Amino acid sequence: MQRNPQLNERGELQHLLSIEGLPAAVLLQILDTARSFMSVSEREIKKVPLLRGKSVFNLFFEPSTRTRTTFEIAAKRLSADVLNLNIATSSQTKGESLIDTVANLAAMHADMFVVRHASSGAPYLIARHLSPEIHVVNAGDGRHAHPTQALLDVFTIRHYKGDFTGLKVAIVGDVLHSRVARSEIHALTTLGVPEVRVVGPRTLIPAQVEKLGVKVFHDMASGLRDVDVVMMLRLQNERMNGALLPSAQEYFKAYGLTEERLAVAAKDAIVMHPGPMNRGVEIDSAVADGTQSVILPQVTFGIAVRMAVMAILAGNG
């Protein structure tokens, strides 16, 4: 059987490229490690020396403020040297030129690359061409995966709900273009969530998504009924080709999360969003800023989760 390219011979995390194929034990190790890092943010000196002397290269071929910033903060809290490279490039730049770029950076004694790229599979390609002591973290590749976002989301769910085994989770919106949704589904099902729903218009739900173990709903009222977690997705306008939606206003009318729509979920349901939010399109401000929203805690937890991923990778070098 072919070995998972993310794990070393001992079954430890070597790279974090995707949630798909990772055993529950590895996901739980990351969540437990992240929980131990939560207290670091509350200290006067927000640093631990785990990555002292290590160099982390944030290699962003696609713009992102929030993800890049949280990775930078996480690496600095682990005492790493961080280099941010926003490489303005078209999504066509891959193959040899991408490998040449990374080879040159690796020659500068990089220990870890955090990669965001518009092409699906780019972090896998990079990982294949590096020596084993250099680690790669996928910070989002095309429509394929965004593993640390999924991990911070399941960390958030565990923080508020305690356990995965009795939950109903609804993922709502543009599932078709969302790398977050794909990673999320793999994480939730691996961790034992018994019912994962995807809710959205037919044009934004991937064909045969049921094969991933989810239930499909095209109606908000039935899709949200009795769920414990409502995970809203951003409309990925930049990845849409052609008219998949009549208009943002029409979308909000049918699929925007309002207080009335949320009322059919469980009384203590939490509302999540990976950000950045389009208020009045995917979610009403009254819900985004309401008592059931955990959107800002997600961002805070994201730092601890990314610290955990980097610390585990560095420890398995």
C-alpha atoms as a PDB file:
ATOM      1  CA  MET A   1       0.000   0.000   0.000  1.00  0.00           C
ATOM      2  CA  GLN A   2       1.328   3.442  -0.915  1.00  0.00           C
ATOM      3  CA  ARG A   3       2.408   5.506   2.083  1.00  0.00           C
ATOM      4  CA  ASN A   4       0.566   8.764   2.728  1.00  0.00           C
ATOM      5  CA  PRO A   5       3.005  11.492   1.540  1.00  0.00           C
ATOM      6  CA  GLN A   6       2.117  13.503   4.654  1.00  0.00           C
ATOM      7  CA  LEU A   7       3.387  10.884   7.111  1.00  0.00           C
ATOM      8  CA  ASN A   8       6.908   9.587   7.740  1.00  0.00           C
ATOM      9  CA  GLU A   9       7.781   5.872   8.144  1.00  0.00           C
ATOM     10  CA  ARG A  10       6.779   6.050  11.812  1.00  0.00           C
ATOM     11  CA  GLY A  11       3.313   7.356  10.907  1.00  0.00           C
ATOM     12  CA  GLU A  12       4.104  10.859  12.238  1.00  0.00           C
ATOM     13  CA  LEU A  13       3.189  14.082  10.477  1.00  0.00           C
ATOM     14  CA  GLN A  14       5.890  15.086   7.980  1.00  0.00           C
ATOM     15  CA  HIS A  15       3.842  17.626   5.972  1.00  0.00           C
ATOM     16  CA  LEU A  16       0.298  18.950   6.331  1.00  0.00           C
ATOM     17  CA  LEU A  17      -1.070  18.938   2.790  1.00  0.00           C
ATOM     18  CA  SER A  18      -4.662  17.782   3.231  1.00  0.00           C
ATOM     19  CA  ILE A  19      -7.016  16.410   5.881  1.00  0.00           C
ATOM     20  CA  GLU A  20      -7.968  13.592   3.518  1.00  0.00           C
ATOM     21  CA  GLY A  21      -6.194  10.372   4.428  1.00  0.00           C
ATOM     22  CA  LEU A  22      -5.000  11.491   7.859  1.00  0.00           C
ATOM     23  CA  PRO A  23      -6.009   9.185  10.723  1.00  0.00           C
ATOM     24  CA  ALA A  24      -8.190  10.540  13.553  1.00  0.00           C
ATOM     25  CA  ALA A  25      -5.251  10.073  15.977  1.00  0.00           C
ATOM     26  CA  VAL A  26      -3.159  12.647  14.069  1.00  0.00           C
ATOM     27  CA  LEU A  27      -6.039  15.146  13.970  1.00  0.00           C
ATOM     28  CA  LEU A  28      -6.626  14.710  17.712  1.00  0.00           C
ATOM     29  CA  GLN A  29      -2.895  15.136  18.403  1.00  0.00           C
ATOM     30  CA  ILE A  30      -3.047  18.524  16.632  1.00  0.00           C
ATOM     31  CA  LEU A  31      -6.211  19.569  18.511  1.00  0.00           C
ATOM     32  CA  ASP A  32      -4.777  18.517  21.887  1.00  0.00           C
ATOM     33  CA  THR A  33      -1.459  20.296  21.198  1.00  0.00           C
ATOM     34  CA  ALA A  34      -3.362  23.427  20.137  1.00  0.00           C
ATOM     35  CA  ARG A  35      -5.285  23.383  23.409  1.00  0.00           C
ATOM     36  CA  SER A  36      -1.995  23.368  25.305  1.00  0.00           C
ATOM     37  CA  PHE A  37      -0.887  26.462  23.337  1.00  0.00           C
ATOM     38  CA  MET A  38      -4.035  28.479  24.126  1.00  0.00           C
ATOM     39  CA  SER A  39      -2.505  29.777  27.359  1.00  0.00           C
ATOM     40  CA  VAL A  40       0.551  31.202  25.527  1.00  0.00           C
ATOM     41  CA  SER A  41      -1.629  33.983  24.081  1.00  0.00           C
ATOM     42  CA  GLU A  42      -2.610  35.077  27.588  1.00  0.00           C
ATOM     43  CA  ARG A  43       0.955  35.465  28.864  1.00  0.00           C
ATOM     44  CA  GLU A  44       2.764  38.782  29.102  1.00  0.00           C
ATOM     45  CA  ILE A  45       5.531  37.360  26.882  1.00  0.00           C
ATOM     46  CA  LYS A  46       3.676  35.384  24.215  1.00  0.00           C
ATOM     47  CA  LYS A  47       6.548  33.098  23.212  1.00  0.00           C
ATOM     48  CA  VAL A  48       7.778  29.543  23.614  1.00  0.00           C
ATOM     49  CA  PRO A  49      11.203  28.451  22.284  1.00  0.00           C
ATOM     50  CA  LEU A  50      10.119  25.352  20.310  1.00  0.00           C
ATOM     51  CA  LEU A  51      11.172  26.702  16.877  1.00  0.00           C
ATOM     52  CA  ARG A  52      14.088  28.883  17.974  1.00  0.00           C
ATOM     53  CA  GLY A  53      16.736  28.899  15.255  1.00  0.00           C
ATOM     54  CA  LYS A  54      14.292  27.544  12.632  1.00  0.00           C
ATOM     55  CA  SER A  55      13.310  29.468   9.491  1.00  0.00           C
ATOM     56  CA  VAL A  56       9.688  29.457   8.315  1.00  0.00           C
ATOM     57  CA  PHE A  57       9.032  30.802   4.811  1.00  0.00           C
ATOM     58  CA  ASN A  58       5.480  32.019   4.155  1.00  0.00           C
ATOM     59  CA  LEU A  59       5.233  31.441   0.414  1.00  0.00           C
ATOM     60  CA  PHE A  60       2.021  33.065  -0.825  1.00  0.00           C
ATOM     61  CA  PHE A  61       1.392  32.898  -4.570  1.00  0.00           C
ATOM     62  CA  GLU A  62      -2.176  34.041  -3.913  1.00  0.00           C
ATOM     63  CA  PRO A  63      -3.162  36.994  -1.688  1.00  0.00           C
ATOM     64  CA  SER A  64      -4.403  36.378   1.851  1.00  0.00           C
ATOM     65  CA  THR A  65      -4.176  38.718   4.793  1.00  0.00           C
ATOM     66  CA  ARG A  66      -5.815  36.660   7.531  1.00  0.00           C
ATOM     67  CA  THR A  67      -4.208  33.270   6.862  1.00  0.00           C
ATOM     68  CA  ARG A  68      -0.733  34.703   6.262  1.00  0.00           C
ATOM     69  CA  THR A  69      -0.948  36.890   9.380  1.00  0.00           C
ATOM     70  CA  THR A  70      -2.054  34.037  11.662  1.00  0.00           C
ATOM     71  CA  PHE A  71       0.735  31.783  10.337  1.00  0.00           C
ATOM     72  CA  GLU A  72       3.240  34.601  10.913  1.00  0.00           C
ATOM     73  CA  ILE A  73       2.020  35.204  14.477  1.00  0.00           C
ATOM     74  CA  ALA A  74       2.023  31.447  15.180  1.00  0.00           C
ATOM     75  CA  ALA A  75       5.595  30.990  13.916  1.00  0.00           C
ATOM     76  CA  LYS A  76       6.844  34.020  15.877  1.00  0.00           C
ATOM     77  CA  ARG A  77       5.186  32.759  19.067  1.00  0.00           C
ATOM     78  CA  LEU A  78       7.180  29.559  18.572  1.00  0.00           C
ATOM     79  CA  SER A  79      10.325  31.791  18.289  1.00  0.00           C
ATOM     80  CA  ALA A  80      10.969  30.965  14.598  1.00  0.00           C
ATOM     81  CA  ASP A  81      12.525  33.368  12.099  1.00  0.00           C
ATOM     82  CA  VAL A  82       9.760  34.204   9.613  1.00  0.00           C
ATOM     83  CA  LEU A  83      10.145  35.378   6.038  1.00  0.00           C
ATOM     84  CA  ASN A  84       7.040  36.523   4.170  1.00  0.00           C
ATOM     85  CA  LEU A  85       7.155  36.208   0.394  1.00  0.00           C
ATOM     86  CA  ASN A  86       4.101  37.452  -1.490  1.00  0.00           C
ATOM     87  CA  ILE A  87       4.975  36.248  -4.941  1.00  0.00           C
ATOM     88  CA  ALA A  88       2.857  38.145  -7.455  1.00  0.00           C
ATOM     89  CA  THR A  89       2.275  35.537 -10.111  1.00  0.00           C
ATOM     90  CA  SER A  90      -0.437  34.150 -12.313  1.00  0.00           C
ATOM     91  CA  SER A  91      -2.053  30.800 -11.518  1.00  0.00           C
ATOM     92  CA  GLN A  92      -0.307  29.427 -14.626  1.00  0.00           C
ATOM     93  CA  THR A  93       3.089  29.623 -12.899  1.00  0.00           C
ATOM     94  CA  LYS A  94       3.793  26.061 -11.869  1.00  0.00           C
ATOM     95  CA  GLY A  95       5.989  23.139 -12.885  1.00  0.00           C
ATOM     96  CA  GLU A  96       9.665  23.986 -13.265  1.00  0.00           C
ATOM     97  CA  SER A  97       9.456  27.653 -12.317  1.00  0.00           C
ATOM     98  CA  LEU A  98       7.696  26.847  -9.034  1.00  0.00           C
ATOM     99  CA  ILE A  99      10.250  24.147  -8.219  1.00  0.00           C
ATOM    100  CA  ASP A 100      13.124  26.501  -9.111  1.00  0.00           C
ATOM    101  CA  THR A 101      11.716  29.155  -6.764  1.00  0.00           C
ATOM    102  CA  VAL A 102      11.432  26.686  -3.908  1.00  0.00           C
ATOM    103  CA  ALA A 103      14.853  25.101  -4.583  1.00  0.00           C
ATOM    104  CA  ASN A 104      16.481  28.532  -4.317  1.00  0.00           C
ATOM    105  CA  LEU A 105      14.690  29.240  -1.034  1.00  0.00           C
ATOM    106  CA  ALA A 106      15.541  25.787   0.326  1.00  0.00           C
ATOM    107  CA  ALA A 107      19.196  26.582  -0.387  1.00  0.00           C
ATOM    108  CA  MET A 108      18.823  29.467   2.086  1.00  0.00           C
ATOM    109  CA  HIS A 109      18.302  26.857   4.842  1.00  0.00           C
ATOM    110  CA  ALA A 110      14.520  26.975   5.084  1.00  0.00           C
ATOM    111  CA  ASP A 111      13.092  24.529   7.638  1.00  0.00           C
ATOM    112  CA  MET A 112       9.425  24.925   6.738  1.00  0.00           C
ATOM    113  CA  PHE A 113       7.357  26.307   3.873  1.00  0.00           C
ATOM    114  CA  VAL A 114       3.812  27.557   4.367  1.00  0.00           C
ATOM    115  CA  VAL A 115       2.365  27.565   0.852  1.00  0.00           C
ATOM    116  CA  ARG A 116      -0.746  29.135  -0.634  1.00  0.00           C
ATOM    117  CA  HIS A 117      -1.200  28.642  -4.376  1.00  0.00           C
ATOM    118  CA  ALA A 118      -4.050  29.023  -6.851  1.00  0.00           C
ATOM    119  CA  SER A 119      -3.274  25.630  -8.421  1.00  0.00           C
ATOM    120  CA  SER A 120      -4.578  22.500  -6.727  1.00  0.00           C
ATOM    121  CA  GLY A 121      -1.730  20.163  -5.815  1.00  0.00           C
ATOM    122  CA  ALA A 122       1.058  22.779  -5.753  1.00  0.00           C
ATOM    123  CA  PRO A 123       2.035  22.032  -2.100  1.00  0.00           C
ATOM    124  CA  TYR A 124       2.266  18.283  -2.945  1.00  0.00           C
ATOM    125  CA  LEU A 125       4.579  19.109  -5.860  1.00  0.00           C
ATOM    126  CA  ILE A 126       6.782  21.238  -3.594  1.00  0.00           C
ATOM    127  CA  ALA A 127       6.895  18.582  -0.849  1.00  0.00           C
ATOM    128  CA  ARG A 128       7.986  15.921  -3.374  1.00  0.00           C
ATOM    129  CA  HIS A 129      11.015  17.987  -4.414  1.00  0.00           C
ATOM    130  CA  LEU A 130      12.333  18.820  -0.939  1.00  0.00           C
ATOM    131  CA  SER A 131      14.702  16.910   1.312  1.00  0.00           C
ATOM    132  CA  PRO A 132      12.913  15.108   4.182  1.00  0.00           C
ATOM    133  CA  GLU A 133      13.987  17.517   6.921  1.00  0.00           C
ATOM    134  CA  ILE A 134      12.051  20.396   5.273  1.00  0.00           C
ATOM    135  CA  HIS A 135       8.326  20.488   6.003  1.00  0.00           C
ATOM    136  CA  VAL A 136       5.421  21.886   3.956  1.00  0.00           C
ATOM    137  CA  VAL A 137       2.122  23.242   5.265  1.00  0.00           C
ATOM    138  CA  ASN A 138      -0.684  23.790   2.762  1.00  0.00           C
ATOM    139  CA  ALA A 139      -2.289  27.187   3.443  1.00  0.00           C
ATOM    140  CA  GLY A 140      -4.832  26.678   0.637  1.00  0.00           C
ATOM    141  CA  ASP A 141      -4.405  25.267  -2.876  1.00  0.00           C
ATOM    142  CA  GLY A 142      -6.932  26.033  -5.611  1.00  0.00           C
ATOM    143  CA  ARG A 143     -10.275  24.375  -4.919  1.00  0.00           C
ATOM    144  CA  HIS A 144      -8.547  21.402  -3.316  1.00  0.00           C
ATOM    145  CA  ALA A 145      -7.797  21.837   0.402  1.00  0.00           C
ATOM    146  CA  HIS A 146      -7.280  24.228   3.310  1.00  0.00           C
ATOM    147  CA  PRO A 147      -6.338  21.854   6.139  1.00  0.00           C
ATOM    148  CA  THR A 148      -5.468  24.358   8.895  1.00  0.00           C
ATOM    149  CA  GLN A 149      -8.799  26.166   8.423  1.00  0.00           C
ATOM    150  CA  ALA A 150     -10.631  22.849   8.840  1.00  0.00           C
ATOM    151  CA  LEU A 151      -8.548  22.075  11.936  1.00  0.00           C
ATOM    152  CA  LEU A 152      -9.249  25.422  13.574  1.00  0.00           C
ATOM    153  CA  ASP A 153     -12.944  24.929  12.803  1.00  0.00           C
ATOM    154  CA  VAL A 154     -13.094  21.477  14.406  1.00  0.00           C
ATOM    155  CA  PHE A 155     -11.062  22.882  17.330  1.00  0.00           C
ATOM    156  CA  THR A 156     -13.764  25.566  17.693  1.00  0.00           C
ATOM    157  CA  ILE A 157     -16.540  22.950  17.538  1.00  0.00           C
ATOM    158  CA  ARG A 158     -14.835  20.806  20.196  1.00  0.00           C
ATOM    159  CA  HIS A 159     -14.276  23.882  22.390  1.00  0.00           C
ATOM    160  CA  TYR A 160     -17.993  24.745  22.395  1.00  0.00           C
ATOM    161  CA  LYS A 161     -19.556  21.289  22.035  1.00  0.00           C
ATOM    162  CA  GLY A 162     -17.079  19.064  23.870  1.00  0.00           C
ATOM    163  CA  ASP A 163     -17.521  15.987  21.723  1.00  0.00           C
ATOM    164  CA  PHE A 164     -18.087  15.158  18.050  1.00  0.00           C
ATOM    165  CA  THR A 165     -20.099  11.954  18.342  1.00  0.00           C
ATOM    166  CA  GLY A 166     -23.630  13.338  18.736  1.00  0.00           C
ATOM    167  CA  LEU A 167     -23.482  16.367  16.462  1.00  0.00           C
ATOM    168  CA  LYS A 168     -25.332  17.516  13.368  1.00  0.00           C
ATOM    169  CA  VAL A 169     -23.291  20.013  11.328  1.00  0.00           C
ATOM    170  CA  ALA A 170     -24.558  22.025   8.352  1.00  0.00           C
ATOM    171  CA  ILE A 171     -22.084  23.509   5.836  1.00  0.00           C
ATOM    172  CA  VAL A 172     -23.968  26.193   3.916  1.00  0.00           C
ATOM    173  CA  GLY A 173     -23.308  28.003   0.659  1.00  0.00           C
ATOM    174  CA  ASP A 174     -20.727  27.761  -2.112  1.00  0.00           C
ATOM    175  CA  VAL A 175     -19.524  24.219  -1.483  1.00  0.00           C
ATOM    176  CA  LEU A 176     -18.520  23.779  -5.147  1.00  0.00           C
ATOM    177  CA  HIS A 177     -15.654  26.297  -5.084  1.00  0.00           C
ATOM    178  CA  SER A 178     -14.709  25.938  -1.412  1.00  0.00           C
ATOM    179  CA  ARG A 179     -11.466  24.220  -0.449  1.00  0.00           C
ATOM    180  CA  VAL A 180     -12.506  24.853   3.163  1.00  0.00           C
ATOM    181  CA  ALA A 181     -15.694  22.788   2.698  1.00  0.00           C
ATOM    182  CA  ARG A 182     -13.784  19.796   1.291  1.00  0.00           C
ATOM    183  CA  SER A 183     -11.273  19.811   4.153  1.00  0.00           C
ATOM    184  CA  GLU A 184     -14.079  20.384   6.644  1.00  0.00           C
ATOM    185  CA  ILE A 185     -16.088  17.358   5.454  1.00  0.00           C
ATOM    186  CA  HIS A 186     -13.022  15.075   5.733  1.00  0.00           C
ATOM    187  CA  ALA A 187     -12.189  16.399   9.226  1.00  0.00           C
ATOM    188  CA  LEU A 188     -15.739  16.076  10.573  1.00  0.00           C
ATOM    189  CA  THR A 189     -16.337  12.578   9.219  1.00  0.00           C
ATOM    190  CA  THR A 190     -12.883  11.350  10.368  1.00  0.00           C
ATOM    191  CA  LEU A 191     -13.557  12.658  13.888  1.00  0.00           C
ATOM    192  CA  GLY A 192     -16.860  10.802  14.082  1.00  0.00           C
ATOM    193  CA  VAL A 193     -19.531  13.467  13.467  1.00  0.00           C
ATOM    194  CA  PRO A 194     -22.561  11.292  12.627  1.00  0.00           C
ATOM    195  CA  GLU A 195     -24.387  13.773  10.389  1.00  0.00           C
ATOM    196  CA  VAL A 196     -22.760  16.316   8.069  1.00  0.00           C
ATOM    197  CA  ARG A 197     -25.090  18.265   5.790  1.00  0.00           C
ATOM    198  CA  VAL A 198     -24.296  20.490   2.839  1.00  0.00           C
ATOM    199  CA  VAL A 199     -26.881  23.147   2.044  1.00  0.00           C
ATOM    200  CA  GLY A 200     -26.972  25.385  -1.026  1.00  0.00           C
ATOM    201  CA  PRO A 201     -28.301  25.977  -4.539  1.00  0.00           C
ATOM    202  CA  ARG A 202     -27.877  23.133  -7.038  1.00  0.00           C
ATOM    203  CA  THR A 203     -25.373  25.212  -9.034  1.00  0.00           C
ATOM    204  CA  LEU A 204     -23.028  25.483  -6.020  1.00  0.00           C
ATOM    205  CA  ILE A 205     -23.130  21.879  -4.733  1.00  0.00           C
ATOM    206  CA  PRO A 206     -20.604  19.495  -6.353  1.00  0.00           C
ATOM    207  CA  ALA A 207     -21.948  16.488  -8.245  1.00  0.00           C
ATOM    208  CA  GLN A 208     -21.808  13.248  -6.242  1.00  0.00           C
ATOM    209  CA  VAL A 209     -20.762  15.032  -3.038  1.00  0.00           C
ATOM    210  CA  GLU A 210     -22.854  12.414  -1.175  1.00  0.00           C
ATOM    211  CA  LYS A 211     -19.965   9.991  -1.758  1.00  0.00           C
ATOM    212  CA  LEU A 212     -18.037  11.932   0.907  1.00  0.00           C
ATOM    213  CA  GLY A 213     -20.661  10.855   3.450  1.00  0.00           C
ATOM    214  CA  VAL A 214     -22.807  14.008   3.568  1.00  0.00           C
ATOM    215  CA  LYS A 215     -26.526  14.689   3.169  1.00  0.00           C
ATOM    216  CA  VAL A 216     -27.506  17.292   0.554  1.00  0.00           C
ATOM    217  CA  PHE A 217     -30.207  19.939   1.093  1.00  0.00           C
ATOM    218  CA  HIS A 218     -31.279  22.708  -1.282  1.00  0.00           C
ATOM    219  CA  ASP A 219     -33.676  24.313   1.189  1.00  0.00           C
ATOM    220  CA  MET A 220     -32.405  26.285   4.212  1.00  0.00           C
ATOM    221  CA  ALA A 221     -35.285  25.438   6.551  1.00  0.00           C
ATOM    222  CA  SER A 222     -34.874  21.668   6.205  1.00  0.00           C
ATOM    223  CA  GLY A 223     -31.052  21.891   5.981  1.00  0.00           C
ATOM    224  CA  LEU A 224     -30.725  23.797   9.268  1.00  0.00           C
ATOM    225  CA  ARG A 225     -33.401  21.980  11.247  1.00  0.00           C
ATOM    226  CA  ASP A 226     -32.032  20.814  14.631  1.00  0.00           C
ATOM    227  CA  VAL A 227     -28.347  21.246  13.677  1.00  0.00           C
ATOM    228  CA  ASP A 228     -25.770  21.986  16.405  1.00  0.00           C
ATOM    229  CA  VAL A 229     -23.305  23.835  14.173  1.00  0.00           C
ATOM    230  CA  VAL A 230     -23.987  26.145  11.213  1.00  0.00           C
ATOM    231  CA  MET A 231     -20.891  26.729   9.120  1.00  0.00           C
ATOM    232  CA  MET A 232     -21.393  29.462   6.542  1.00  0.00           C
ATOM    233  CA  LEU A 233     -19.103  29.659   3.506  1.00  0.00           C
ATOM    234  CA  ARG A 234     -17.939  32.709   1.597  1.00  0.00           C
ATOM    235  CA  LEU A 235     -19.239  33.095  -1.943  1.00  0.00           C
ATOM    236  CA  GLN A 236     -16.119  32.498  -4.044  1.00  0.00           C
ATOM    237  CA  ASN A 237     -16.908  35.040  -6.747  1.00  0.00           C
ATOM    238  CA  GLU A 238     -13.305  35.026  -7.964  1.00  0.00           C
ATOM    239  CA  ARG A 239     -13.522  31.281  -8.749  1.00  0.00           C
ATOM    240  CA  MET A 240     -16.909  31.324 -10.487  1.00  0.00           C
ATOM    241  CA  ASN A 241     -17.150  31.025 -14.242  1.00  0.00           C
ATOM    242  CA  GLY A 242     -20.428  32.079 -15.834  1.00  0.00           C
ATOM    243  CA  ALA A 243     -23.727  32.855 -14.163  1.00  0.00           C
ATOM    244  CA  LEU A 244     -24.032  30.382 -11.286  1.00  0.00           C
ATOM    245  CA  LEU A 245     -26.117  32.868  -9.267  1.00  0.00           C
ATOM    246  CA  PRO A 246     -28.828  35.333 -10.303  1.00  0.00           C
ATOM    247  CA  SER A 247     -27.496  38.039  -7.933  1.00  0.00           C
ATOM    248  CA  ALA A 248     -26.090  38.526  -4.439  1.00  0.00           C
ATOM    249  CA  GLN A 249     -29.483  39.844  -3.282  1.00  0.00           C
ATOM    250  CA  GLU A 250     -31.299  36.781  -4.628  1.00  0.00           C
ATOM    251  CA  TYR A 251     -28.730  34.543  -2.974  1.00  0.00           C
ATOM    252  CA  PHE A 252     -29.257  36.233   0.397  1.00  0.00           C
ATOM    253  CA  LYS A 253     -33.025  35.910  -0.003  1.00  0.00           C
ATOM    254  CA  ALA A 254     -32.712  32.129  -0.421  1.00  0.00           C
ATOM    255  CA  TYR A 255     -29.530  31.184   1.487  1.00  0.00           C
ATOM    256  CA  GLY A 256     -28.435  34.094   3.681  1.00  0.00           C
ATOM    257  CA  LEU A 257     -28.325  33.240   7.390  1.00  0.00           C
ATOM    258  CA  THR A 258     -30.855  35.395   9.249  1.00  0.00           C
ATOM    259  CA  GLU A 259     -32.108  35.163  12.825  1.00  0.00           C
ATOM    260  CA  GLU A 260     -35.380  33.657  11.528  1.00  0.00           C
ATOM    261  CA  ARG A 261     -33.541  30.916   9.628  1.00  0.00           C
ATOM    262  CA  LEU A 262     -31.228  30.196  12.547  1.00  0.00           C
ATOM    263  CA  ALA A 263     -34.258  29.734  14.806  1.00  0.00           C
ATOM    264  CA  VAL A 264     -34.935  26.241  13.338  1.00  0.00           C
ATOM    265  CA  ALA A 265     -31.470  25.018  14.428  1.00  0.00           C
ATOM    266  CA  ALA A 266     -30.830  23.678  17.928  1.00  0.00           C
ATOM    267  CA  LYS A 267     -31.283  26.348  20.630  1.00  0.00           C
ATOM    268  CA  ASP A 268     -27.584  26.288  21.491  1.00  0.00           C
ATOM    269  CA  ALA A 269     -26.324  26.037  17.895  1.00  0.00           C
ATOM    270  CA  ILE A 270     -23.105  27.900  17.122  1.00  0.00           C
ATOM    271  CA  VAL A 271     -22.555  29.928  13.931  1.00  0.00           C
ATOM    272  CA  MET A 272     -19.190  29.822  12.155  1.00  0.00           C
ATOM    273  CA  HIS A 273     -17.647  31.471   9.075  1.00  0.00           C
ATOM    274  CA  PRO A 274     -14.082  31.047   7.751  1.00  0.00           C
ATOM    275  CA  GLY A 275     -13.988  34.729   6.693  1.00  0.00           C
ATOM    276  CA  PRO A 276     -13.830  37.184   5.193  1.00  0.00           C
ATOM    277  CA  MET A 277     -17.610  37.553   5.500  1.00  0.00           C
ATOM    278  CA  ASN A 278     -19.865  39.180   2.932  1.00  0.00           C
ATOM    279  CA  ARG A 279     -22.447  40.702   5.265  1.00  0.00           C
ATOM    280  CA  GLY A 280     -25.894  40.849   3.738  1.00  0.00           C
ATOM    281  CA  VAL A 281     -24.939  38.154   1.210  1.00  0.00           C
ATOM    282  CA  GLU A 282     -24.074  34.984   3.191  1.00  0.00           C
ATOM    283  CA  ILE A 283     -24.934  36.203   6.650  1.00  0.00           C
ATOM    284  CA  ASP A 284     -26.961  38.936   8.290  1.00  0.00           C
ATOM    285  CA  SER A 285     -25.058  41.280  10.624  1.00  0.00           C
ATOM    286  CA  ALA A 286     -27.504  40.506  13.453  1.00  0.00           C
ATOM    287  CA  VAL A 287     -26.351  36.854  13.289  1.00  0.00           C
ATOM    288  CA  ALA A 288     -22.654  37.552  12.603  1.00  0.00           C
ATOM    289  CA  ASP A 289     -22.491  39.785  15.690  1.00  0.00           C
ATOM    290  CA  GLY A 290     -25.060  37.821  17.716  1.00  0.00           C
ATOM    291  CA  THR A 291     -24.736  35.653  20.801  1.00  0.00           C
ATOM    292  CA  GLN A 292     -24.519  32.374  18.831  1.00  0.00           C
ATOM    293  CA  SER A 293     -21.668  33.581  16.609  1.00  0.00           C
ATOM    294  CA  VAL A 294     -18.179  32.177  17.312  1.00  0.00           C
ATOM    295  CA  ILE A 295     -16.604  33.789  14.243  1.00  0.00           C
ATOM    296  CA  LEU A 296     -14.028  35.885  16.143  1.00  0.00           C
ATOM    297  CA  PRO A 297     -13.012  33.054  18.522  1.00  0.00           C
ATOM    298  CA  GLN A 298     -12.316  30.973  15.368  1.00  0.00           C
ATOM    299  CA  VAL A 299      -9.629  33.496  14.411  1.00  0.00           C
ATOM    300  CA  THR A 300      -8.082  33.388  17.906  1.00  0.00           C
ATOM    301  CA  PHE A 301      -8.094  29.577  17.947  1.00  0.00           C
ATOM    302  CA  GLY A 302      -6.485  29.596  14.490  1.00  0.00           C
ATOM    303  CA  ILE A 303      -3.214  30.889  15.958  1.00  0.00           C
ATOM    304  CA  ALA A 304      -2.997  28.042  18.506  1.00  0.00           C
ATOM    305  CA  VAL A 305      -3.885  25.448  15.853  1.00  0.00           C
ATOM    306  CA  ARG A 306      -1.218  26.710  13.449  1.00  0.00           C
ATOM    307  CA  MET A 307       1.318  26.776  16.294  1.00  0.00           C
ATOM    308  CA  ALA A 308       0.416  23.129  17.002  1.00  0.00           C
ATOM    309  CA  VAL A 309       0.873  22.063  13.367  1.00  0.00           C
ATOM    310  CA  MET A 310       4.280  23.744  13.098  1.00  0.00           C
ATOM    311  CA  ALA A 311       5.472  22.451  16.477  1.00  0.00           C
ATOM    312  CA  ILE A 312       4.463  18.861  15.627  1.00  0.00           C
ATOM    313  CA  LEU A 313       6.143  19.033  12.206  1.00  0.00           C
ATOM    314  CA  ALA A 314       9.341  20.469  13.684  1.00  0.00           C
ATOM    315  CA  GLY A 315       9.362  17.727  16.348  1.00  0.00           C
ATOM    316  CA  ASN A 316       9.082  15.033  13.643  1.00  0.00           C
ATOM    317  CA  GLY A 317      12.016  16.287  11.586  1.00  0.00           C
END
